[in-house]
Amino acid sequence: MISSSWPTPGSHRATAVRRAIRNPGAKAIFLPKYSPDLNLIEQVFSKLKPLLGKADARTVEAVAATVGQLFELFTPQEYANFRNAGCASV
């Protein structure tokens, strides 16, 4: 059982929270639940995940080798997205 001290999903949308935000005249603007456009690394993951699934690698070693091979399919701009998302070693 989850402790009652933890907020439930969507608790930021509760009426009391909305009133607290609006009281000083602010407005809450909610982001979409999932938007690759708002997270550069998600653009790369959205290309990698289906390719990795098709490769059918099922061991840690096979997944690592496959990911290494799949990265050869990425463009320089996609690598820049990794760097811009904080993955500077890539």
N, C-alpha and C. Protein backbone atom coordinates (compact mmCIF):
# COMPACT_ATOMS: atom_id res chain seq x y z
N MET A 1 0.84 -1.19 0.00
CA MET A 1 0.00 0.00 0.00
C MET A 1 0.88 1.24 0.00
N ILE A 2 0.51 2.24 -0.78
CA ILE A 2 1.27 3.47 -0.87
C ILE A 2 0.91 4.36 0.30
N SER A 3 1.92 4.95 0.87
CA SER A 3 1.71 5.84 2.01
C SER A 3 0.84 7.03 1.59
N SER A 4 -0.03 7.45 2.48
CA SER A 4 -0.92 8.57 2.17
C SER A 4 -0.16 9.89 2.09
N SER A 5 1.13 9.91 2.52
CA SER A 5 1.90 11.14 2.44
C SER A 5 2.41 11.40 1.02
N TRP A 6 2.36 10.37 0.17
CA TRP A 6 2.79 10.54 -1.22
C TRP A 6 1.64 11.11 -2.03
N PRO A 7 1.93 12.07 -2.92
CA PRO A 7 0.84 12.59 -3.75
C PRO A 7 0.39 11.54 -4.75
N THR A 8 -0.87 11.55 -5.05
CA THR A 8 -1.39 10.62 -6.03
C THR A 8 -1.14 11.18 -7.43
N PRO A 9 -1.12 10.34 -8.46
CA PRO A 9 -0.94 10.87 -9.81
C PRO A 9 -2.01 11.91 -10.12
N GLY A 10 -1.57 13.01 -10.68
CA GLY A 10 -2.52 14.06 -11.00
C GLY A 10 -2.88 14.96 -9.82
N SER A 11 -2.20 14.79 -8.69
CA SER A 11 -2.55 15.60 -7.52
C SER A 11 -2.31 17.08 -7.77
N HIS A 12 -1.42 17.41 -8.70
CA HIS A 12 -1.17 18.81 -9.02
C HIS A 12 -2.38 19.45 -9.71
N ARG A 13 -3.34 18.63 -10.12
CA ARG A 13 -4.54 19.15 -10.75
C ARG A 13 -5.71 19.29 -9.76
N ALA A 14 -5.46 19.00 -8.51
CA ALA A 14 -6.51 19.07 -7.50
C ALA A 14 -7.03 20.50 -7.36
N THR A 15 -8.27 20.61 -6.96
CA THR A 15 -8.92 21.92 -6.83
C THR A 15 -8.14 22.85 -5.91
N ALA A 16 -7.69 22.35 -4.76
CA ALA A 16 -6.96 23.19 -3.81
C ALA A 16 -5.66 23.70 -4.42
N VAL A 17 -5.00 22.86 -5.19
CA VAL A 17 -3.74 23.27 -5.82
C VAL A 17 -4.03 24.33 -6.88
N ARG A 18 -5.06 24.12 -7.66
CA ARG A 18 -5.42 25.11 -8.69
C ARG A 18 -5.76 26.45 -8.06
N ARG A 19 -6.48 26.44 -6.95
CA ARG A 19 -6.83 27.69 -6.27
C ARG A 19 -5.56 28.38 -5.76
N ALA A 20 -4.63 27.60 -5.21
CA ALA A 20 -3.39 28.19 -4.68
C ALA A 20 -2.58 28.84 -5.80
N ILE A 21 -2.63 28.25 -6.98
CA ILE A 21 -1.90 28.82 -8.11
C ILE A 21 -2.61 30.08 -8.61
N ARG A 22 -3.91 30.02 -8.72
CA ARG A 22 -4.68 31.14 -9.26
C ARG A 22 -4.79 32.32 -8.29
N ASN A 23 -4.72 32.04 -6.99
CA ASN A 23 -4.91 33.09 -5.98
C ASN A 23 -4.02 34.30 -6.23
N PRO A 24 -2.71 34.13 -6.47
CA PRO A 24 -1.89 35.32 -6.72
C PRO A 24 -1.97 35.81 -8.17
N GLY A 25 -2.83 35.18 -8.97
CA GLY A 25 -3.01 35.62 -10.35
C GLY A 25 -2.23 34.81 -11.37
N ALA A 26 -1.62 33.73 -10.94
CA ALA A 26 -0.87 32.88 -11.87
C ALA A 26 -1.82 31.93 -12.59
N LYS A 27 -1.31 31.31 -13.62
CA LYS A 27 -2.10 30.36 -14.38
C LYS A 27 -1.26 29.10 -14.60
N ALA A 28 -1.86 27.94 -14.37
CA ALA A 28 -1.17 26.67 -14.59
C ALA A 28 -1.37 26.25 -16.04
N ILE A 29 -0.27 25.93 -16.69
CA ILE A 29 -0.33 25.42 -18.06
C ILE A 29 0.29 24.03 -18.02
N PHE A 30 -0.51 23.02 -18.30
CA PHE A 30 -0.04 21.64 -18.20
C PHE A 30 0.54 21.18 -19.52
N LEU A 31 1.66 20.50 -19.43
CA LEU A 31 2.28 19.90 -20.61
C LEU A 31 1.54 18.63 -20.98
N PRO A 32 1.66 18.20 -22.22
CA PRO A 32 1.08 16.91 -22.59
C PRO A 32 1.74 15.79 -21.79
N LYS A 33 1.04 14.67 -21.64
CA LYS A 33 1.60 13.56 -20.87
C LYS A 33 2.92 13.09 -21.46
N TYR A 34 3.02 13.09 -22.77
CA TYR A 34 4.24 12.63 -23.41
C TYR A 34 4.42 13.43 -24.67
N SER A 35 5.52 14.11 -24.77
CA SER A 35 5.77 14.90 -25.96
C SER A 35 7.25 14.83 -26.32
N PRO A 36 7.61 14.03 -27.32
CA PRO A 36 9.01 13.95 -27.74
C PRO A 36 9.56 15.30 -28.16
N ASP A 37 8.69 16.19 -28.63
CA ASP A 37 9.16 17.50 -29.05
C ASP A 37 9.72 18.32 -27.90
N LEU A 38 9.31 18.01 -26.68
CA LEU A 38 9.76 18.77 -25.53
C LEU A 38 11.00 18.16 -24.87
N ASN A 39 11.44 17.02 -25.33
CA ASN A 39 12.59 16.35 -24.74
C ASN A 39 13.42 15.78 -25.89
N LEU A 40 14.55 16.41 -26.17
CA LEU A 40 15.36 16.04 -27.33
C LEU A 40 15.81 14.58 -27.32
N ILE A 41 16.15 14.06 -26.17
CA ILE A 41 16.62 12.68 -26.13
C ILE A 41 15.49 11.70 -26.47
N GLU A 42 14.24 12.09 -26.22
CA GLU A 42 13.11 11.24 -26.56
C GLU A 42 12.99 11.05 -28.07
N GLN A 43 13.43 12.04 -28.83
CA GLN A 43 13.41 11.90 -30.28
C GLN A 43 14.33 10.76 -30.72
N VAL A 44 15.47 10.64 -30.07
CA VAL A 44 16.40 9.55 -30.38
C VAL A 44 15.82 8.23 -29.89
N PHE A 45 15.30 8.21 -28.66
CA PHE A 45 14.73 6.97 -28.13
C PHE A 45 13.56 6.49 -28.96
N SER A 46 12.77 7.42 -29.51
CA SER A 46 11.62 7.00 -30.32
C SER A 46 12.05 6.31 -31.60
N LYS A 47 13.25 6.58 -32.07
CA LYS A 47 13.79 5.88 -33.23
C LYS A 47 14.46 4.57 -32.81
N LEU A 48 15.15 4.60 -31.67
CA LEU A 48 15.90 3.43 -31.21
C LEU A 48 15.00 2.28 -30.75
N LYS A 49 13.94 2.60 -30.01
CA LYS A 49 13.11 1.53 -29.41
C LYS A 49 12.52 0.56 -30.42
N PRO A 50 11.90 1.01 -31.50
CA PRO A 50 11.35 0.02 -32.45
C PRO A 50 12.45 -0.78 -33.16
N LEU A 51 13.58 -0.13 -33.43
CA LEU A 51 14.68 -0.85 -34.07
C LEU A 51 15.22 -1.94 -33.15
N LEU A 52 15.34 -1.62 -31.87
CA LEU A 52 15.82 -2.60 -30.89
C LEU A 52 14.82 -3.73 -30.74
N GLY A 53 13.54 -3.41 -30.76
CA GLY A 53 12.51 -4.45 -30.67
C GLY A 53 12.56 -5.41 -31.84
N LYS A 54 12.77 -4.88 -33.04
CA LYS A 54 12.86 -5.73 -34.23
C LYS A 54 14.10 -6.60 -34.22
N ALA A 55 15.16 -6.14 -33.55
CA ALA A 55 16.40 -6.90 -33.51
C ALA A 55 16.26 -8.16 -32.66
N ASP A 56 15.30 -8.17 -31.76
CA ASP A 56 15.00 -9.35 -30.94
C ASP A 56 16.18 -9.80 -30.07
N ALA A 57 16.97 -8.84 -29.58
CA ALA A 57 18.07 -9.15 -28.67
C ALA A 57 17.50 -9.44 -27.29
N ARG A 58 17.91 -10.54 -26.67
CA ARG A 58 17.30 -10.95 -25.40
C ARG A 58 18.27 -11.11 -24.23
N THR A 59 19.55 -10.86 -24.46
CA THR A 59 20.50 -10.90 -23.35
C THR A 59 21.14 -9.52 -23.22
N VAL A 60 21.73 -9.25 -22.08
CA VAL A 60 22.39 -7.96 -21.87
C VAL A 60 23.46 -7.75 -22.93
N GLU A 61 24.23 -8.78 -23.19
CA GLU A 61 25.31 -8.67 -24.17
C GLU A 61 24.76 -8.40 -25.57
N ALA A 62 23.69 -9.09 -25.94
CA ALA A 62 23.09 -8.91 -27.27
C ALA A 62 22.48 -7.52 -27.42
N VAL A 63 21.83 -7.03 -26.36
CA VAL A 63 21.24 -5.69 -26.41
C VAL A 63 22.35 -4.65 -26.57
N ALA A 64 23.43 -4.77 -25.79
CA ALA A 64 24.53 -3.81 -25.88
C ALA A 64 25.14 -3.81 -27.28
N ALA A 65 25.37 -4.98 -27.84
CA ALA A 65 25.94 -5.08 -29.18
C ALA A 65 24.99 -4.50 -30.23
N THR A 66 23.71 -4.79 -30.08
CA THR A 66 22.72 -4.31 -31.04
C THR A 66 22.59 -2.80 -30.98
N VAL A 67 22.55 -2.23 -29.79
CA VAL A 67 22.46 -0.78 -29.66
C VAL A 67 23.66 -0.13 -30.34
N GLY A 68 24.83 -0.69 -30.12
CA GLY A 68 26.03 -0.16 -30.78
C GLY A 68 25.90 -0.17 -32.30
N GLN A 69 25.34 -1.22 -32.84
CA GLN A 69 25.15 -1.31 -34.28
C GLN A 69 24.07 -0.33 -34.76
N LEU A 70 23.00 -0.21 -33.99
CA LEU A 70 21.89 0.65 -34.39
C LEU A 70 22.28 2.12 -34.40
N PHE A 71 23.20 2.51 -33.54
CA PHE A 71 23.61 3.91 -33.51
C PHE A 71 24.30 4.34 -34.80
N GLU A 72 24.74 3.38 -35.58
CA GLU A 72 25.32 3.71 -36.88
C GLU A 72 24.26 4.28 -37.83
N LEU A 73 22.99 4.06 -37.52
CA LEU A 73 21.88 4.54 -38.35
C LEU A 73 21.48 5.98 -38.03
N PHE A 74 22.05 6.56 -36.98
CA PHE A 74 21.64 7.89 -36.54
C PHE A 74 22.42 8.98 -37.26
N THR A 75 21.75 10.11 -37.48
CA THR A 75 22.35 11.25 -38.16
C THR A 75 23.15 12.11 -37.18
N PRO A 76 24.02 12.97 -37.71
CA PRO A 76 24.73 13.90 -36.81
C PRO A 76 23.79 14.75 -35.96
N GLN A 77 22.65 15.15 -36.51
CA GLN A 77 21.70 15.96 -35.73
C GLN A 77 21.14 15.15 -34.57
N GLU A 78 20.88 13.87 -34.78
CA GLU A 78 20.37 13.03 -33.70
C GLU A 78 21.41 12.88 -32.60
N TYR A 79 22.69 12.80 -32.97
CA TYR A 79 23.75 12.78 -31.95
C TYR A 79 23.80 14.10 -31.21
N ALA A 80 23.57 15.20 -31.91
CA ALA A 80 23.53 16.50 -31.25
C ALA A 80 22.41 16.54 -30.23
N ASN A 81 21.30 15.87 -30.51
CA ASN A 81 20.20 15.82 -29.55
C ASN A 81 20.64 15.14 -28.26
N PHE A 82 21.49 14.11 -28.35
CA PHE A 82 22.03 13.48 -27.15
C PHE A 82 22.85 14.48 -26.35
N ARG A 83 23.72 15.19 -27.02
CA ARG A 83 24.57 16.17 -26.32
C ARG A 83 23.71 17.25 -25.70
N ASN A 84 22.72 17.74 -26.43
CA ASN A 84 21.86 18.81 -25.92
C ASN A 84 21.02 18.35 -24.75
N ALA A 85 20.79 17.04 -24.62
CA ALA A 85 19.99 16.50 -23.52
C ALA A 85 20.88 16.16 -22.32
N GLY A 86 22.16 16.51 -22.38
CA GLY A 86 23.05 16.28 -21.24
C GLY A 86 23.87 15.02 -21.32
N CYS A 87 23.87 14.34 -22.46
CA CYS A 87 24.67 13.12 -22.63
C CYS A 87 25.92 13.48 -23.41
N ALA A 88 26.80 14.29 -22.80
CA ALA A 88 27.95 14.86 -23.51
C ALA A 88 28.98 13.83 -23.92
N SER A 89 28.99 12.66 -23.31
CA SER A 89 30.02 11.66 -23.65
C SER A 89 29.70 10.92 -24.93
N VAL A 90 28.51 11.09 -25.46
CA VAL A 90 28.13 10.39 -26.70
C VAL A 90 28.64 11.15 -27.89
